[in-house]
Amino acid sequence: MAVLYLLVVAGLGGSDYDQAVADHAWKCQMINEGVWPHDPAIHCPVPLETLALNTVNR
């Protein structure tokens, strides 16, 4: 029984982290598309498309 419990806990451990990463990416997408206002508490990297456009225009 203890082994089954450890397997279940080990299997579910990564899903919280994966969900947090997916949530952060979604929040950044909403901010970058202008759907949500900029929030200084959420650090979002500059989208690659923006970087590419900035270097082409120089």
N, C-alpha and C. Protein backbone atom coordinates (compact mmCIF):
# COMPACT_ATOMS: atom_id res chain seq x y z
N MET A 1 0.83 -1.20 0.00
CA MET A 1 0.00 0.00 0.00
C MET A 1 0.87 1.26 0.00
N ALA A 2 1.94 1.23 0.77
CA ALA A 2 2.83 2.40 0.83
C ALA A 2 3.51 2.64 -0.52
N VAL A 3 3.82 1.56 -1.23
CA VAL A 3 4.47 1.71 -2.53
C VAL A 3 3.50 2.36 -3.52
N LEU A 4 2.25 1.95 -3.48
CA LEU A 4 1.23 2.55 -4.35
C LEU A 4 1.08 4.04 -4.05
N TYR A 5 1.07 4.40 -2.79
CA TYR A 5 0.96 5.80 -2.38
C TYR A 5 2.15 6.59 -2.91
N LEU A 6 3.36 6.05 -2.79
CA LEU A 6 4.55 6.75 -3.27
C LEU A 6 4.53 6.92 -4.78
N LEU A 7 4.03 5.90 -5.49
CA LEU A 7 3.94 6.02 -6.95
C LEU A 7 2.94 7.09 -7.36
N VAL A 8 1.83 7.18 -6.67
CA VAL A 8 0.82 8.20 -6.99
C VAL A 8 1.36 9.59 -6.69
N VAL A 9 2.01 9.76 -5.55
CA VAL A 9 2.57 11.06 -5.19
C VAL A 9 3.68 11.46 -6.16
N ALA A 10 4.53 10.52 -6.54
CA ALA A 10 5.61 10.82 -7.48
C ALA A 10 5.05 11.18 -8.85
N GLY A 11 3.98 10.53 -9.26
CA GLY A 11 3.38 10.82 -10.55
C GLY A 11 2.68 12.16 -10.60
N LEU A 12 2.13 12.61 -9.50
CA LEU A 12 1.41 13.87 -9.46
C LEU A 12 2.29 15.07 -9.14
N GLY A 13 3.49 14.83 -8.64
CA GLY A 13 4.37 15.91 -8.22
C GLY A 13 4.73 16.87 -9.33
N GLY A 14 5.02 16.38 -10.51
CA GLY A 14 5.42 17.23 -11.62
C GLY A 14 4.27 17.97 -12.26
N SER A 15 3.07 17.48 -12.09
CA SER A 15 1.96 18.11 -12.78
C SER A 15 1.66 19.50 -12.23
N ASP A 16 1.90 19.74 -10.96
CA ASP A 16 1.70 21.08 -10.40
C ASP A 16 2.67 22.07 -11.03
N TYR A 17 3.93 21.66 -11.17
CA TYR A 17 4.92 22.53 -11.78
C TYR A 17 4.58 22.79 -13.25
N ASP A 18 4.21 21.72 -13.96
CA ASP A 18 3.86 21.88 -15.37
C ASP A 18 2.65 22.80 -15.54
N GLN A 19 1.69 22.70 -14.64
CA GLN A 19 0.51 23.56 -14.72
C GLN A 19 0.88 25.02 -14.43
N ALA A 20 1.79 25.23 -13.48
CA ALA A 20 2.23 26.59 -13.16
C ALA A 20 2.96 27.22 -14.34
N VAL A 21 3.78 26.43 -15.02
CA VAL A 21 4.50 26.93 -16.20
C VAL A 21 3.51 27.27 -17.31
N ALA A 22 2.53 26.40 -17.52
CA ALA A 22 1.52 26.66 -18.56
C ALA A 22 0.69 27.89 -18.22
N ASP A 23 0.33 28.06 -16.95
CA ASP A 23 -0.44 29.24 -16.53
C ASP A 23 0.35 30.52 -16.77
N HIS A 24 1.64 30.49 -16.44
CA HIS A 24 2.49 31.67 -16.63
C HIS A 24 2.61 32.01 -18.11
N ALA A 25 2.79 31.00 -18.94
CA ALA A 25 2.89 31.24 -20.39
C ALA A 25 1.59 31.83 -20.93
N TRP A 26 0.46 31.35 -20.44
CA TRP A 26 -0.83 31.87 -20.89
C TRP A 26 -1.01 33.31 -20.46
N LYS A 27 -0.62 33.63 -19.21
CA LYS A 27 -0.73 35.01 -18.73
C LYS A 27 0.15 35.93 -19.56
N CYS A 28 1.36 35.48 -19.87
CA CYS A 28 2.25 36.30 -20.70
C CYS A 28 1.69 36.50 -22.10
N GLN A 29 1.07 35.47 -22.64
CA GLN A 29 0.46 35.60 -23.97
C GLN A 29 -0.65 36.63 -23.93
N MET A 30 -1.47 36.61 -22.91
CA MET A 30 -2.57 37.57 -22.80
C MET A 30 -2.03 39.00 -22.65
N ILE A 31 -0.97 39.17 -21.90
CA ILE A 31 -0.37 40.50 -21.72
C ILE A 31 0.27 40.97 -23.02
N ASN A 32 1.02 40.08 -23.70
CA ASN A 32 1.70 40.46 -24.94
C ASN A 32 0.72 40.78 -26.06
N GLU A 33 -0.44 40.15 -26.07
CA GLU A 33 -1.44 40.43 -27.10
C GLU A 33 -2.28 41.65 -26.76
N GLY A 34 -2.11 42.21 -25.57
CA GLY A 34 -2.84 43.40 -25.19
C GLY A 34 -4.23 43.12 -24.62
N VAL A 35 -4.54 41.85 -24.37
CA VAL A 35 -5.84 41.51 -23.80
C VAL A 35 -5.89 41.93 -22.34
N TRP A 36 -4.78 41.72 -21.64
CA TRP A 36 -4.66 42.13 -20.24
C TRP A 36 -3.69 43.28 -20.14
N PRO A 37 -3.87 44.16 -19.17
CA PRO A 37 -2.89 45.25 -18.99
C PRO A 37 -1.58 44.70 -18.43
N HIS A 38 -0.52 45.47 -18.62
CA HIS A 38 0.79 45.07 -18.11
C HIS A 38 0.75 44.99 -16.59
N ASP A 39 1.27 43.91 -16.04
CA ASP A 39 1.33 43.70 -14.59
C ASP A 39 2.79 43.55 -14.20
N PRO A 40 3.36 44.50 -13.43
CA PRO A 40 4.78 44.40 -13.06
C PRO A 40 5.09 43.19 -12.20
N ALA A 41 4.09 42.57 -11.58
CA ALA A 41 4.33 41.39 -10.76
C ALA A 41 4.57 40.14 -11.61
N ILE A 42 4.19 40.19 -12.89
CA ILE A 42 4.38 39.05 -13.79
C ILE A 42 5.51 39.40 -14.75
N HIS A 43 6.60 38.66 -14.66
CA HIS A 43 7.75 38.89 -15.54
C HIS A 43 7.56 38.06 -16.80
N CYS A 44 7.40 38.75 -17.91
CA CYS A 44 7.25 38.06 -19.20
C CYS A 44 8.41 38.46 -20.10
N PRO A 45 9.06 37.47 -20.72
CA PRO A 45 10.13 37.81 -21.65
C PRO A 45 9.55 38.48 -22.90
N VAL A 46 10.37 39.21 -23.59
CA VAL A 46 9.95 39.87 -24.83
C VAL A 46 9.72 38.78 -25.87
N PRO A 47 8.60 38.81 -26.57
CA PRO A 47 8.35 37.78 -27.59
C PRO A 47 9.42 37.80 -28.68
N LEU A 48 9.75 36.65 -29.21
CA LEU A 48 10.79 36.56 -30.23
C LEU A 48 10.40 37.32 -31.49
N GLU A 49 9.11 37.35 -31.82
CA GLU A 49 8.69 38.07 -33.01
C GLU A 49 9.02 39.56 -32.88
N THR A 50 8.84 40.10 -31.67
CA THR A 50 9.14 41.51 -31.43
C THR A 50 10.64 41.76 -31.57
N LEU A 51 11.44 40.87 -31.04
CA LEU A 51 12.88 41.03 -31.16
C LEU A 51 13.30 40.98 -32.63
N ALA A 52 12.73 40.07 -33.39
CA ALA A 52 13.07 39.95 -34.81
C ALA A 52 12.66 41.22 -35.56
N LEU A 53 11.49 41.76 -35.25
CA LEU A 53 11.06 42.97 -35.93
C LEU A 53 11.92 44.16 -35.56
N ASN A 54 12.37 44.23 -34.29
CA ASN A 54 13.23 45.33 -33.87
C ASN A 54 14.57 45.31 -34.56
N THR A 55 15.13 44.13 -34.78
CA THR A 55 16.43 44.05 -35.42
C THR A 55 16.33 44.31 -36.91
N VAL A 56 15.21 44.00 -37.54
CA VAL A 56 15.04 44.24 -38.98
C VAL A 56 14.88 45.72 -39.25
N ASN A 57 14.19 46.43 -38.35
CA ASN A 57 13.92 47.85 -38.57
C ASN A 57 15.11 48.74 -38.32
N ARG A 58 16.15 48.24 -37.75
CA ARG A 58 17.32 49.10 -37.45
C ARG A 58 18.18 49.34 -38.61
